[in-house]
N, C-alpha and C. Protein backbone atom coordinates (compact mmCIF):
# COMPACT_ATOMS: atom_id res chain seq x y z
N MET A 1 101.95 120.81 85.64
CA MET A 1 100.85 121.03 86.62
C MET A 1 100.72 119.92 86.49
N GLU A 2 100.31 118.88 87.51
CA GLU A 2 100.15 117.47 88.65
C GLU A 2 99.13 117.45 88.86
N LYS A 3 98.58 116.21 88.11
CA LYS A 3 96.85 116.45 87.85
C LYS A 3 96.39 116.15 89.54
N GLN A 4 94.98 116.08 90.11
CA GLN A 4 94.74 115.88 91.44
C GLN A 4 94.35 114.90 90.97
N LEU A 5 94.35 113.91 92.05
CA LEU A 5 93.91 112.54 91.98
C LEU A 5 92.33 112.77 92.61
N ILE A 6 92.84 112.92 93.93
CA ILE A 6 92.04 112.52 95.41
C ILE A 6 91.23 113.97 95.01
N VAL A 7 90.05 114.47 95.23
CA VAL A 7 89.48 115.68 95.58
C VAL A 7 88.04 115.26 96.44
N SER A 8 87.33 116.29 97.35
CA SER A 8 86.65 116.23 97.78
C SER A 8 85.74 117.92 97.52
N ASN A 9 84.34 117.28 97.86
CA ASN A 9 83.11 117.88 96.81
C ASN A 9 82.35 118.24 97.59
N PRO A 10 81.52 118.89 98.65
CA PRO A 10 80.48 119.23 99.21
C PRO A 10 79.03 117.90 98.53
N ASN A 11 79.27 117.86 97.17
CA ASN A 11 78.22 117.49 96.42
C ASN A 11 78.76 116.50 96.21
N VAL A 12 79.14 115.79 96.42
CA VAL A 12 79.63 114.14 96.11
C VAL A 12 80.01 113.40 97.28
N MET A 13 79.36 112.81 97.13
CA MET A 13 79.46 111.55 98.22
C MET A 13 79.75 112.47 99.66
N MET A 14 78.58 113.00 100.46
CA MET A 14 79.33 114.01 100.99
C MET A 14 80.29 114.37 101.59
N GLY A 15 80.96 115.30 100.60
CA GLY A 15 82.14 115.77 100.71
C GLY A 15 83.40 114.74 101.65
N LYS A 16 83.31 113.27 101.07
CA LYS A 16 84.03 112.28 101.16
C LYS A 16 85.27 112.28 99.90
N PRO A 17 86.58 112.10 100.76
CA PRO A 17 88.01 112.40 99.25
C PRO A 17 87.50 110.82 98.36
N VAL A 18 86.73 111.59 97.02
CA VAL A 18 86.85 110.73 95.89
C VAL A 18 87.93 110.69 95.04
N ILE A 19 87.92 109.46 94.07
CA ILE A 19 89.15 109.88 92.98
C ILE A 19 88.33 110.12 92.22
N ALA A 20 89.26 111.49 91.72
CA ALA A 20 88.81 112.73 90.91
C ALA A 20 88.03 111.88 89.12
N GLY A 21 87.10 112.51 89.47
CA GLY A 21 86.22 112.16 88.32
C GLY A 21 85.22 111.11 88.47
N THR A 22 85.01 110.24 89.66
CA THR A 22 84.35 109.35 89.71
C THR A 22 83.69 109.39 91.17
N ARG A 23 82.99 108.76 91.70
CA ARG A 23 82.17 108.59 92.85
C ARG A 23 82.99 107.37 94.01
N ILE A 24 84.04 106.53 93.85
CA ILE A 24 84.71 106.02 94.63
C ILE A 24 85.17 106.94 95.55
N THR A 25 84.93 106.33 96.84
CA THR A 25 85.86 107.22 97.45
C THR A 25 86.87 106.66 98.27
N VAL A 26 88.11 107.12 99.00
CA VAL A 26 88.95 106.80 99.90
C VAL A 26 89.05 105.67 100.63
N GLU A 27 87.91 106.16 101.13
CA GLU A 27 87.08 104.99 102.26
C GLU A 27 87.07 103.80 101.97
N LEU A 28 86.60 103.52 100.72
CA LEU A 28 86.29 102.40 99.66
C LEU A 28 87.34 101.56 99.71
N ILE A 29 88.39 102.46 98.68
CA ILE A 29 89.18 101.14 98.23
C ILE A 29 90.17 100.92 100.18
N LEU A 30 90.25 101.68 100.70
CA LEU A 30 90.78 100.92 102.14
C LEU A 30 89.96 99.97 102.69
N GLU A 31 88.86 99.80 102.22
CA GLU A 31 87.84 98.89 102.98
C GLU A 31 88.19 97.43 102.20
N LYS A 32 88.35 98.11 101.09
CA LYS A 32 88.24 96.82 100.07
C LYS A 32 90.24 96.37 100.52
N LEU A 33 90.95 97.04 100.77
CA LEU A 33 92.01 96.50 101.10
C LEU A 33 92.22 95.40 102.49
N ALA A 34 91.66 96.59 103.18
CA ALA A 34 92.05 95.75 104.35
C ALA A 34 91.15 94.33 104.56
N ALA A 35 90.27 94.28 104.18
CA ALA A 35 89.22 92.85 103.55
C ALA A 35 90.15 91.54 102.99
N GLY A 36 91.32 92.78 101.99
CA GLY A 36 92.54 91.23 101.51
C GLY A 36 91.66 91.74 100.13
N GLU A 37 91.31 92.34 99.57
CA GLU A 37 91.41 92.23 98.16
C GLU A 37 92.81 92.95 97.22
N THR A 38 93.66 92.78 96.59
CA THR A 38 94.64 93.38 96.10
C THR A 38 94.27 94.65 95.05
N VAL A 39 95.39 95.18 94.59
CA VAL A 39 94.91 95.95 93.85
C VAL A 39 94.32 95.31 92.67
N GLU A 40 94.65 94.66 92.61
CA GLU A 40 94.32 93.86 90.38
C GLU A 40 92.61 93.69 91.18
N GLN A 41 92.10 93.37 91.85
CA GLN A 41 91.21 92.90 92.19
C GLN A 41 90.24 94.42 92.24
N ILE A 42 90.63 95.15 92.33
CA ILE A 42 90.11 96.50 93.00
C ILE A 42 89.91 97.45 91.59
N LEU A 43 90.89 97.23 91.07
CA LEU A 43 90.82 97.89 89.54
C LEU A 43 90.24 96.67 88.84
N ASP A 44 90.31 95.38 88.60
CA ASP A 44 89.28 94.66 87.61
C ASP A 44 87.73 94.79 88.64
N ALA A 45 87.16 95.06 89.43
CA ALA A 45 85.68 95.78 89.77
C ALA A 45 85.68 96.99 89.58
N HIS A 46 86.75 97.88 89.20
CA HIS A 46 86.33 99.20 89.05
C HIS A 46 87.02 100.07 87.80
N PRO A 47 86.61 99.19 86.49
CA PRO A 47 87.21 99.56 85.83
C PRO A 47 87.75 100.94 85.23
N ARG A 48 87.48 102.26 86.02
CA ARG A 48 88.04 103.39 85.67
C ARG A 48 88.86 103.99 86.11
N LEU A 49 88.87 103.30 88.03
CA LEU A 49 89.89 103.30 88.47
C LEU A 49 91.36 102.59 87.28
N THR A 50 92.96 103.70 88.42
CA THR A 50 94.25 103.80 87.51
C THR A 50 94.56 103.11 88.59
N ARG A 51 96.07 102.30 88.74
CA ARG A 51 96.92 101.95 89.81
C ARG A 51 97.35 103.05 90.30
N GLU A 52 97.36 104.27 89.49
CA GLU A 52 97.94 105.64 90.18
C GLU A 52 97.10 106.01 91.30
N ALA A 53 95.57 105.62 90.93
CA ALA A 53 95.11 106.44 91.66
C ALA A 53 94.58 106.01 92.80
N VAL A 54 94.75 104.23 92.73
CA VAL A 54 94.54 103.60 94.21
C VAL A 54 95.48 103.86 94.84
N LEU A 55 97.18 104.12 94.46
CA LEU A 55 98.35 104.57 95.39
C LEU A 55 97.98 105.31 95.82
N ALA A 56 97.15 106.49 95.18
CA ALA A 56 97.38 108.02 95.64
C ALA A 56 96.12 108.47 96.65
N ALA A 57 95.14 107.71 97.25
CA ALA A 57 94.29 107.02 98.09
C ALA A 57 95.00 106.45 99.09
N ILE A 58 96.18 105.90 98.89
CA ILE A 58 96.52 104.92 99.50
C ILE A 58 97.25 106.15 100.51
N ALA A 59 98.04 107.19 99.88
CA ALA A 59 99.09 108.05 99.98
C ALA A 59 98.42 109.33 100.92
N PHE A 60 96.60 109.45 100.69
CA PHE A 60 96.13 110.24 100.60
C PHE A 60 95.89 109.69 102.76
N ALA A 61 95.29 108.34 102.99
CA ALA A 61 94.97 107.96 103.88
C ALA A 61 96.20 108.53 104.97
N ARG A 62 97.29 108.12 104.16
CA ARG A 62 98.54 108.56 105.00
C ARG A 62 99.14 109.59 105.38
N GLU A 63 98.54 110.91 104.64
CA GLU A 63 99.11 112.09 105.15
C GLU A 63 98.18 112.08 106.36
N ALA A 64 96.72 112.32 105.80
CA ALA A 64 95.94 112.04 107.17
C ALA A 64 95.96 111.93 107.90
N LEU A 65 96.85 110.87 108.16
CA LEU A 65 97.14 109.60 109.29
C LEU A 65 98.30 110.43 110.31
N ARG A 66 99.12 111.61 109.56
CA ARG A 66 100.46 111.92 110.11
C ARG A 66 99.95 112.70 110.43
N ALA A 67 99.03 113.75 110.75
CA ALA A 67 98.26 114.85 111.28
C ALA A 67 98.37 115.01 113.11
N ASP A 68 98.26 116.38 113.33
CA ASP A 68 98.90 115.85 115.03
C ASP A 68 97.37 115.83 115.98
N VAL A 69 96.37 114.79 115.31
CA VAL A 69 95.30 114.16 115.61
C VAL A 69 95.76 112.73 116.60
N VAL A 70 94.96 112.56 118.13
CA VAL A 70 95.34 111.45 118.78
C VAL A 70 93.84 110.60 118.75
N TYR A 71 93.86 109.46 117.95
CA TYR A 71 92.99 108.23 117.93
C TYR A 71 92.51 107.32 118.70
N PRO A 72 92.33 107.65 119.99
CA PRO A 72 92.17 106.49 120.85
C PRO A 72 91.73 105.71 120.44
N ILE A 73 92.66 104.23 120.90
CA ILE A 73 91.72 102.84 120.40
C ILE A 73 91.11 102.34 121.57
N ALA A 74 90.20 101.70 121.86
CA ALA A 74 89.50 101.27 122.72
C ALA A 74 90.41 99.71 123.40
N GLU A 75 90.19 99.49 124.48
CA GLU A 75 90.94 98.69 124.65
C GLU A 75 89.99 97.32 125.17
N ALA A 76 90.79 95.99 124.45
CA ALA A 76 89.85 94.96 124.53
C ALA A 76 89.00 94.95 125.92
N VAL A 77 88.23 94.45 126.46
CA VAL A 77 87.84 93.83 127.67
C VAL A 77 87.82 92.58 127.60
N PRO A 78 88.62 91.66 128.62
CA PRO A 78 88.72 90.75 128.65
C PRO A 78 87.47 89.85 129.15
């Protein structure tokens, strides 16, 4: 059986998806990547993380965005 790397528990980080066994949210990992941090920098900052866990967070976000939900983006006003 494959270990589940992303979990959600209402008693941990208000139910946000986290890396199993940590309080590190998928959201935090995505924010760091969006800010330009590399996977290596994230791993250095969070020694309990693994490369596999970071990739699982990215995959989780990808799957979440595949849902049949439309997320309207506000247009910039000139």
